[in-house]
Structure formats: structure tokens, C-alpha cells
C-alpha atoms as a PDB file:
ATOM      1  CA  MET A   1      44.253 133.460  40.864  1.00  0.00           C
ATOM      2  CA  PRO A   2      45.887 129.572  41.534  1.00  0.00           C
ATOM      3  CA  GLY A   3      43.572 127.699  43.514  1.00  0.00           C
ATOM      4  CA  GLN A   4      43.494 123.843  44.730  1.00  0.00           C
ATOM      5  CA  VAL A   5      41.922 121.079  41.741  1.00  0.00           C
ATOM      6  CA  LEU A   6      40.842 118.150  42.687  1.00  0.00           C
ATOM      7  CA  ILE A   7      41.400 115.441  39.554  1.00  0.00           C
ATOM      8  CA  TYR A   8      40.219 112.249  39.261  1.00  0.00           C
ATOM      9  CA  GLY A   9      42.128 109.503  37.641  1.00  0.00           C
ATOM     10  CA  GLY A  10      45.593 112.018  38.779  1.00  0.00           C
ATOM     11  CA  THR A  11      47.570 108.826  38.130  1.00  0.00           C
ATOM     12  CA  GLY A  12      46.758 108.192  34.864  1.00  0.00           C
ATOM     13  CA  ASP A  13      48.913 108.808  32.209  1.00  0.00           C
ATOM     14  CA  ILE A  14      46.448 111.881  31.290  1.00  0.00           C
ATOM     15  CA  GLY A  15      45.910 113.088  35.089  1.00  0.00           C
ATOM     16  CA  THR A  16      49.302 112.800  35.699  1.00  0.00           C
ATOM     17  CA  ALA A  17      49.771 115.001  32.843  1.00  0.00           C
ATOM     18  CA  THR A  18      47.462 117.585  34.008  1.00  0.00           C
ATOM     19  CA  ALA A  19      48.159 117.518  37.659  1.00  0.00           C
ATOM     20  CA  ARG A  20      52.031 118.385  36.200  1.00  0.00           C
ATOM     21  CA  LEU A  21      50.878 121.045  34.222  1.00  0.00           C
ATOM     22  CA  LEU A  22      48.749 122.562  36.430  1.00  0.00           C
ATOM     23  CA  ARG A  23      51.526 122.033  39.731  1.00  0.00           C
ATOM     24  CA  ILE A  24      53.872 124.861  36.909  1.00  0.00           C
ATOM     25  CA  CYS A  25      51.342 127.019  36.911  1.00  0.00           C
ATOM     26  CA  GLY A  26      50.563 127.236  40.694  1.00  0.00           C
ATOM     27  CA  TYR A  27      48.431 125.491  41.406  1.00  0.00           C
ATOM     28  CA  SER A  28      47.658 123.516  44.578  1.00  0.00           C
ATOM     29  CA  LEU A  29      46.330 119.781  43.661  1.00  0.00           C
ATOM     30  CA  HIS A  30      44.332 116.494  45.687  1.00  0.00           C
ATOM     31  CA  LEU A  31      44.885 113.760  43.489  1.00  0.00           C
ATOM     32  CA  VAL A  32      42.411 110.852  43.512  1.00  0.00           C
ATOM     33  CA  GLY A  33      43.000 107.236  42.560  1.00  0.00           C
ATOM     34  CA  ARG A  34      43.476 103.273  43.274  1.00  0.00           C
ATOM     35  CA  ASP A  35      46.851 101.895  43.350  1.00  0.00           C
ATOM     36  CA  GLU A  36      47.697 104.256  46.592  1.00  0.00           C
ATOM     37  CA  THR A  37      51.700 103.568  46.338  1.00  0.00           C
ATOM     38  CA  ARG A  38      51.141 104.833  42.986  1.00  0.00           C
ATOM     39  CA  LEU A  39      49.208 107.918  44.327  1.00  0.00           C
ATOM     40  CA  ALA A  40      51.390 108.652  47.159  1.00  0.00           C
ATOM     41  CA  ALA A  41      54.537 108.790  44.988  1.00  0.00           C
ATOM     42  CA  LEU A  42      53.140 111.420  43.262  1.00  0.00           C
ATOM     43  CA  ALA A  43      51.834 113.228  45.811  1.00  0.00           C
ATOM     44  CA  GLY A  44      55.001 113.406  47.108  1.00  0.00           C
ATOM     45  CA  GLU A  45      56.943 114.618  43.752  1.00  0.00           C
ATOM     46  CA  LEU A  46      54.165 116.822  43.523  1.00  0.00           C
ATOM     47  CA  GLY A  47      53.310 118.286  46.878  1.00  0.00           C
ATOM     48  CA  ALA A  48      49.833 117.083  46.479  1.00  0.00           C
ATOM     49  CA  GLY A  49      47.397 115.607  48.700  1.00  0.00           C
ATOM     50  CA  PHE A  50      45.533 112.496  47.997  1.00  0.00           C
ATOM     51  CA  THR A  51      42.957 109.942  48.383  1.00  0.00           C
ATOM     52  CA  ALA A  52      42.513 106.247  47.457  1.00  0.00           C
ATOM     53  CA  GLY A  53      39.892 104.739  46.411  1.00  0.00           C
ATOM     54  CA  ASP A  54      37.737 103.830  43.744  1.00  0.00           C
ATOM     55  CA  VAL A  55      34.895 105.574  41.575  1.00  0.00           C
ATOM     56  CA  THR A  56      32.498 102.670  42.296  1.00  0.00           C
ATOM     57  CA  SER A  57      33.177 103.176  46.163  1.00  0.00           C
ATOM     58  CA  ALA A  58      29.370 105.032  47.473  1.00  0.00           C
ATOM     59  CA  ASP A  59      31.263 106.899  49.356  1.00  0.00           C
ATOM     60  CA  LEU A  60      34.748 107.540  47.417  1.00  0.00           C
ATOM     61  CA  PHE A  61      33.590 111.154  46.172  1.00  0.00           C
ATOM     62  CA  THR A  62      32.720 112.708  49.594  1.00  0.00           C
ATOM     63  CA  ARG A  63      35.176 111.849  51.240  1.00  0.00           C
ATOM     64  CA  ALA A  64      37.929 113.106  48.477  1.00  0.00           C
ATOM     65  CA  THR A  65      35.819 116.537  48.202  1.00  0.00           C
ATOM     66  CA  GLN A  66      36.394 117.237  51.509  1.00  0.00           C
ATOM     67  CA  GLU A  67      39.739 116.285  51.928  1.00  0.00           C
ATOM     68  CA  ALA A  68      41.036 118.221  49.123  1.00  0.00           C
ATOM     69  CA  SER A  69      38.907 121.502  50.266  1.00  0.00           C
ATOM     70  CA  ASN A  70      38.890 121.446  53.703  1.00  0.00           C
ATOM     71  CA  GLY A  71      35.789 123.713  53.756  1.00  0.00           C
ATOM     72  CA  GLY A  72      37.313 125.975  51.113  1.00  0.00           C
ATOM     73  CA  ARG A  73      37.270 126.263  47.542  1.00  0.00           C
ATOM     74  CA  ILE A  74      37.938 124.196  44.437  1.00  0.00           C
ATOM     75  CA  ALA A  75      39.159 126.136  41.876  1.00  0.00           C
ATOM     76  CA  GLY A  76      38.896 123.069  39.593  1.00  0.00           C
ATOM     77  CA  LEU A  77      37.936 119.968  39.008  1.00  0.00           C
ATOM     78  CA  VAL A  78      39.043 117.247  36.761  1.00  0.00           C
ATOM     79  CA  TYR A  79      37.348 113.474  36.014  1.00  0.00           C
ATOM     80  CA  ALA A  80      40.014 111.620  33.855  1.00  0.00           C
ATOM     81  CA  VAL A  81      38.735 108.534  34.632  1.00  0.00           C
ATOM     82  CA  GLY A  82      37.971 106.111  31.817  1.00  0.00           C
ATOM     83  CA  THR A  83      37.797 102.666  30.665  1.00  0.00           C
ATOM     84  CA  ILE A  84      38.106 101.298  27.112  1.00  0.00           C
ATOM     85  CA  ASN A  85      35.922  98.606  26.635  1.00  0.00           C
ATOM     86  CA  LEU A  86      35.803  96.862  23.176  1.00  0.00           C
ATOM     87  CA  LYS A  87      33.153  94.307  22.213  1.00  0.00           C
ATOM     88  CA  PRO A  88      30.740  93.325  19.202  1.00  0.00           C
ATOM     89  CA  LEU A  89      27.504  93.934  20.754  1.00  0.00           C
ATOM     90  CA  GLY A  90      26.371  90.501  20.791  1.00  0.00           C
ATOM     91  CA  ARG A  91      29.309  89.911  23.803  1.00  0.00           C
ATOM     92  CA  LEU A  92      28.033  92.773  25.732  1.00  0.00           C
ATOM     93  CA  THR A  93      26.484  91.838  28.523  1.00  0.00           C
ATOM     94  CA  GLU A  94      24.683  93.577  31.176  1.00  0.00           C
ATOM     95  CA  ALA A  95      27.338  93.877  33.512  1.00  0.00           C
ATOM     96  CA  ASP A  96      29.617  95.736  30.671  1.00  0.00           C
ATOM     97  CA  PHE A  97      27.297  98.523  30.158  1.00  0.00           C
ATOM     98  CA  GLU A  98      26.593  98.783  33.538  1.00  0.00           C
ATOM     99  CA  GLN A  99      30.476  99.023  34.778  1.00  0.00           C
ATOM    100  CA  ASP A 100      30.974 101.367  31.824  1.00  0.00           C
ATOM    101  CA  PHE A 101      28.042 103.870  32.414  1.00  0.00           C
ATOM    102  CA  ARG A 102      29.091 104.167  36.707  1.00  0.00           C
ATOM    103  CA  VAL A 103      32.309 104.580  36.101  1.00  0.00           C
ATOM    104  CA  ASN A 104      32.765 107.395  32.942  1.00  0.00           C
ATOM    105  CA  ALA A 105      29.889 109.048  33.474  1.00  0.00           C
ATOM    106  CA  LEU A 106      27.970 108.292  36.941  1.00  0.00           C
ATOM    107  CA  GLY A 107      30.626 108.704  38.310  1.00  0.00           C
ATOM    108  CA  ALA A 108      31.503 112.290  36.533  1.00  0.00           C
ATOM    109  CA  ALA A 109      28.119 113.595  37.649  1.00  0.00           C
ATOM    110  CA  LYS A 110      28.643 112.162  41.527  1.00  0.00           C
ATOM    111  CA  ALA A 111      32.047 113.970  41.583  1.00  0.00           C
ATOM    112  CA  VAL A 112      30.648 117.469  40.630  1.00  0.00           C
ATOM    113  CA  GLN A 113      27.768 116.983  42.138  1.00  0.00           C
ATOM    114  CA  ALA A 114      30.455 116.285  45.632  1.00  0.00           C
ATOM    115  CA  ALA A 115      31.754 119.202  44.658  1.00  0.00           C
ATOM    116  CA  LEU A 116      29.358 121.248  44.309  1.00  0.00           C
ATOM    117  CA  PRO A 117      29.385 123.892  47.202  1.00  0.00           C
ATOM    118  CA  ALA A 118      33.795 123.950  47.497  1.00  0.00           C
ATOM    119  CA  LEU A 119      32.616 124.349  42.965  1.00  0.00           C
ATOM    120  CA  LYS A 120      30.962 126.993  44.071  1.00  0.00           C
ATOM    121  CA  MET A 121      32.199 128.810  46.334  1.00  0.00           C
ATOM    122  CA  GLY A 122      34.469 132.484  45.357  1.00  0.00           C
ATOM    123  CA  ASP A 123      34.120 135.051  42.951  1.00  0.00           C
ATOM    124  CA  GLU A 124      35.684 133.735  39.904  1.00  0.00           C
ATOM    125  CA  PRO A 125      34.430 130.671  38.131  1.00  0.00           C
ATOM    126  CA  SER A 126      35.488 127.399  38.967  1.00  0.00           C
ATOM    127  CA  SER A 127      36.374 124.882  36.382  1.00  0.00           C
ATOM    128  CA  VAL A 128      35.355 121.163  35.307  1.00  0.00           C
ATOM    129  CA  VAL A 129      37.054 119.083  32.884  1.00  0.00           C
ATOM    130  CA  LEU A 130      35.113 115.720  31.689  1.00  0.00           C
ATOM    131  CA  PHE A 131      36.024 113.147  29.256  1.00  0.00           C
ATOM    132  CA  SER A 132      34.675 111.718  26.099  1.00  0.00           C
ATOM    133  CA  THR A 133      35.464 109.570  23.505  1.00  0.00           C
ATOM    134  CA  VAL A 134      36.223 110.807  19.599  1.00  0.00           C
ATOM    135  CA  ALA A 135      34.420 107.921  19.334  1.00  0.00           C
ATOM    136  CA  VAL A 136      31.126 109.221  20.207  1.00  0.00           C
ATOM    137  CA  ALA A 137      31.493 111.565  17.030  1.00  0.00           C
ATOM    138  CA  GLN A 138      32.675 109.609  14.378  1.00  0.00           C
ATOM    139  CA  GLY A 139      30.933 106.208  15.450  1.00  0.00           C
ATOM    140  CA  PHE A 140      33.302 103.479  15.224  1.00  0.00           C
ATOM    141  CA  ALA A 141      32.500  99.652  15.460  1.00  0.00           C
ATOM    142  CA  SER A 142      32.616  97.295  18.905  1.00  0.00           C
ATOM    143  CA  HIS A 143      32.247 100.774  20.975  1.00  0.00           C
ATOM    144  CA  ALA A 144      28.866 100.296  21.672  1.00  0.00           C
ATOM    145  CA  SER A 145      29.089 100.796  25.873  1.00  0.00           C
ATOM    146  CA  ILE A 146      32.002 102.874  25.304  1.00  0.00           C
ATOM    147  CA  SER A 147      30.509 104.818  23.068  1.00  0.00           C
ATOM    148  CA  MET A 148      27.066 105.396  25.100  1.00  0.00           C
ATOM    149  CA  ALA A 149      28.468 105.762  28.315  1.00  0.00           C
ATOM    150  CA  LYS A 150      31.158 108.674  26.493  1.00  0.00           C
ATOM    151  CA  GLY A 151      27.495 109.300  25.437  1.00  0.00           C
ATOM    152  CA  ALA A 152      25.847 110.765  28.492  1.00  0.00           C
ATOM    153  CA  VAL A 153      29.040 112.264  29.638  1.00  0.00           C
ATOM    154  CA  GLU A 154      28.737 114.665  26.583  1.00  0.00           C
ATOM    155  CA  GLY A 155      25.448 115.345  27.327  1.00  0.00           C
ATOM    156  CA  LEU A 156      25.860 116.033  31.498  1.00  0.00           C
ATOM    157  CA  THR A 157      28.635 118.638  29.998  1.00  0.00           C
ATOM    158  CA  LEU A 158      26.303 120.608  27.986  1.00  0.00           C
ATOM    159  CA  ALA A 159      23.881 120.287  31.133  1.00  0.00           C
ATOM    160  CA  LEU A 160      25.882 121.084  33.913  1.00  0.00           C
ATOM    161  CA  ALA A 161      27.395 123.939  31.481  1.00  0.00           C
ATOM    162  CA  ALA A 162      24.134 125.873  31.276  1.00  0.00           C
ATOM    163  CA  GLU A 163      22.859 125.093  35.081  1.00  0.00           C
ATOM    164  CA  LEU A 164      25.303 125.844  36.550  1.00  0.00           C
ATOM    165  CA  ALA A 165      26.865 128.679  34.821  1.00  0.00           C
ATOM    166  CA  PRO A 166      28.007 131.788  34.897  1.00  0.00           C
ATOM    167  CA  LYS A 167      29.700 130.257  39.003  1.00  0.00           C
ATOM    168  CA  VAL A 168      31.066 126.919  37.150  1.00  0.00           C
ATOM    169  CA  ARG A 169      32.475 126.753  32.995  1.00  0.00           C
ATOM    170  CA  VAL A 170      32.457 122.739  32.403  1.00  0.00           C
ATOM    171  CA  ASN A 171      33.955 121.169  29.237  1.00  0.00           C
ATOM    172  CA  ALA A 172      34.672 117.917  27.939  1.00  0.00           C
ATOM    173  CA  ILE A 173      37.961 116.620  25.807  1.00  0.00           C
ATOM    174  CA  ALA A 174      37.649 114.108  23.192  1.00  0.00           C
ATOM    175  CA  PRO A 175      40.338 112.529  22.092  1.00  0.00           C
ATOM    176  CA  SER A 176      41.599 109.953  19.749  1.00  0.00           C
ATOM    177  CA  LEU A 177      43.647 107.131  20.369  1.00  0.00           C
ATOM    178  CA  THR A 178      46.181 108.268  22.568  1.00  0.00           C
ATOM    179  CA  ARG A 179      49.786 106.427  23.673  1.00  0.00           C
ATOM    180  CA  THR A 180      48.446 105.025  27.901  1.00  0.00           C
ATOM    181  CA  ARG A 181      48.303 102.065  30.163  1.00  0.00           C
ATOM    182  CA  LEU A 182      44.624 102.090  29.587  1.00  0.00           C
ATOM    183  CA  ALA A 183      45.580 101.525  25.478  1.00  0.00           C
ATOM    184  CA  HIS A 184      48.066  99.389  26.078  1.00  0.00           C
ATOM    185  CA  GLY A 185      46.769  96.286  25.071  1.00  0.00           C
ATOM    186  CA  LEU A 186      45.196  98.217  21.265  1.00  0.00           C
ATOM    187  CA  ILE A 187      48.325  99.372  20.467  1.00  0.00           C
ATOM    188  CA  SER A 188      51.022  97.171  21.424  1.00  0.00           C
ATOM    189  CA  ASN A 189      51.821  95.996  18.548  1.00  0.00           C
ATOM    190  CA  GLU A 190      53.040  97.984  16.622  1.00  0.00           C
ATOM    191  CA  THR A 191      51.992  97.806  13.025  1.00  0.00           C
ATOM    192  CA  VAL A 192      48.394  97.709  14.560  1.00  0.00           C
ATOM    193  CA  ALA A 193      49.708 100.873  16.252  1.00  0.00           C
ATOM    194  CA  THR A 194      51.225 102.920  13.203  1.00  0.00           C
ATOM    195  CA  GLY A 195      48.180 101.806  10.843  1.00  0.00           C
ATOM    196  CA  ILE A 196      45.960 103.368  13.354  1.00  0.00           C
ATOM    197  CA  ALA A 197      48.142 106.439  13.521  1.00  0.00           C
ATOM    198  CA  HIS A 198      47.748 106.548   9.381  1.00  0.00           C
ATOM    199  CA  MET A 199      43.980 107.221   9.660  1.00  0.00           C
ATOM    200  CA  HIS A 200      44.694 110.635  11.105  1.00  0.00           C
ATOM    201  CA  ALA A 201      45.215 113.884   9.210  1.00  0.00           C
ATOM    202  CA  LEU A 202      47.730 114.128  11.473  1.00  0.00           C
ATOM    203  CA  PRO A 203      49.571 110.827  11.359  1.00  0.00           C
ATOM    204  CA  ARG A 204      50.815 109.279  15.248  1.00  0.00           C
ATOM    205  CA  LEU A 205      48.893 108.441  18.287  1.00  0.00           C
ATOM    206  CA  GLY A 206      47.948 111.433  21.195  1.00  0.00           C
ATOM    207  CA  THR A 207      50.195 111.999  23.714  1.00  0.00           C
ATOM    208  CA  ALA A 208      48.989 112.721  27.651  1.00  0.00           C
ATOM    209  CA  GLU A 209      50.684 115.573  27.290  1.00  0.00           C
ATOM    210  CA  ASP A 210      48.892 116.416  24.365  1.00  0.00           C
ATOM    211  CA  VAL A 211      45.764 115.842  26.432  1.00  0.00           C
ATOM    212  CA  GLY A 212      46.848 116.958  29.568  1.00  0.00           C
ATOM    213  CA  ALA A 213      47.415 120.454  27.860  1.00  0.00           C
ATOM    214  CA  LEU A 214      43.611 120.827  26.691  1.00  0.00           C
ATOM    215  CA  ALA A 215      42.933 119.629  30.380  1.00  0.00           C
ATOM    216  CA  ALA A 216      45.472 122.802  32.375  1.00  0.00           C
ATOM    217  CA  PHE A 217      44.445 125.189  29.693  1.00  0.00           C
ATOM    218  CA  LEU A 218      40.587 124.787  30.463  1.00  0.00           C
ATOM    219  CA  VAL A 219      40.959 124.371  34.217  1.00  0.00           C
ATOM    220  CA  SER A 220      44.354 127.714  34.105  1.00  0.00           C
ATOM    221  CA  GLU A 221      42.549 130.294  31.148  1.00  0.00           C
ATOM    222  CA  ALA A 222      39.923 129.471  29.378  1.00  0.00           C
ATOM    223  CA  SER A 223      37.762 131.901  31.532  1.00  0.00           C
ATOM    224  CA  TRP A 224      35.685 132.013  28.395  1.00  0.00           C
ATOM    225  CA  ILE A 225      35.318 129.064  27.298  1.00  0.00           C
ATOM    226  CA  THR A 226      31.928 126.797  28.650  1.00  0.00           C
ATOM    227  CA  GLY A 227      29.772 124.132  27.355  1.00  0.00           C
ATOM    228  CA  GLN A 228      32.215 122.536  24.350  1.00  0.00           C
ATOM    229  CA  ILE A 229      33.253 119.350  23.634  1.00  0.00           C
ATOM    230  CA  ILE A 230      36.673 119.872  22.586  1.00  0.00           C
ATOM    231  CA  GLY A 231      38.289 117.328  20.299  1.00  0.00           C
ATOM    232  CA  VAL A 232      42.422 116.171  20.911  1.00  0.00           C
ATOM    233  CA  ASP A 233      42.197 113.499  17.506  1.00  0.00           C
ATOM    234  CA  GLY A 234      44.892 114.482  15.056  1.00  0.00           C
ATOM    235  CA  GLY A 235      41.580 115.087  13.329  1.00  0.00           C
ATOM    236  CA  ARG A 236      40.147 112.248  13.410  1.00  0.00           C
ATOM    237  CA  SER A 237      36.480 113.537  14.008  1.00  0.00           C
ATOM    238  CA  THR A 238      36.081 115.811  11.011  1.00  0.00           C
ATOM    239  CA  LEU A 239      39.192 115.024   8.424  1.00  0.00           C
ATOM    240  CA  ARG A 240      39.937 112.287   6.194  1.00  0.00           C
ATOM    241  CA  PRO A 241      43.570 111.882   5.405  1.00  0.00           C
ATOM    242  CA  LYS A 242      44.781 111.755   1.571  1.00  0.00           C
ATOM    243  CA  GLY A 243      45.288 108.156  -0.038  1.00  0.00           C
END
């Protein structure tokens, strides 16, 4: 039975794609993001509630959970928040490592922690969807900070899936490079983007809709899936294209 879904990063491309698909499925939505103007516009389009704030703010998770649940059940939580901080190890500062960890891993843990009583309500299991990256499994140069942070997200996913079963299902999606505003600096040069696309067995870059479709499925349909790290990566984590 559709219920309320709390989406962090709701105005990001993947968060927005997920929200639109879940709305079609009949879910009520509560969106969280930093840009209040964009957030209010999307919430108005989708008939959603919203909370504006940054995931590094101490009180955001409590506020968002309270406003989303209003004392009731939360059927799903999607933490579609991330960073792309690509530097060689020698150029990474302690602040880089701390910021990537806070936004990607600690934020995910705090979002689930704040929502846990609401996620545990009701007879049906609720669903948590977190986000990793193909770089954790594959290993890419200049990805030390983000891979370390997203590796922590994968460990968090497995730990919470074990701890919170059977009341809460917890899974993570590990995309390859996707055409989003966050990745604009990497793909703004179309020659470079095409070269990266051809490193995939399915030779294109991902779209927000590719990733959002799996996130929406994990919330709405995947009642016997938990503790999984699922790649939406054109085969990059496991395959080597011909030639």
C-alpha cells in the first residue's frame, strides 16, 4: 500500500526522477534539498511536502523526519545525496575527506537514524535506498576520498539490512557516470563524455531516469530484496567491452 516517502536530495536529478516515478505509483512525498526555491517548485508540481536545509546541518534530519511523518509511518527513505570530489591522493586535504564522509556516509546514517521509529511502524516492511558508486568495486585513480566515503555507505547498507530486518529493507545503488548536474564538470566536454561512455559494455552514460527507476522499484516493489549493492553502470563494474 503506497505511503509516505522521504527523499533527501529531492531536487537533484536522480532524486527528482525517483520522486516523479514514486508519485506515479501513488506515494506521497516529502522532499529535502538545499535550494528552497527549486524545492518549493518541485514540491508544488508533485503535491509534496518539503524541508529546506543542508545535510551537514545538525538539526536537518530531525526536522525533515518530523515534517514528513507528522507522527505517522514513513514507507520509504531515499538518500540521493552525494559529492564528486576527484583529486590525486597528494592533493586531498583532511577537510576533503571529512566533507565527503559527512555528506555521503554520516548523512545517510543520520537520516535513517532519525526516521527509524517511523520506518518501523506498520505491518509491512519499509524501504531505505542509499547510494554508492561503481568506483568502490572497480577502483579508479583520483577517487580516494569519494570511494572511501561510498565504501562506508556500502558497509552501512549491509549492517543496517541485518540489524533492521524484517521491519526495514535496506539496499544501495552503485551507478557509473550519469548525466546529472552534479557530474557536469566531468561530462561538459562531449569528446571526453563519449570516450568515457565507450568504456562501458553498453556504450553510453547513464541517465537520472536509469537510476531513479531502480530506486523507485526498491521502494515500491522489491519486497524480498534487502542487503544488496546493485550496479546501474552499463556493465562497467563486471564487464570489459570488446576492442
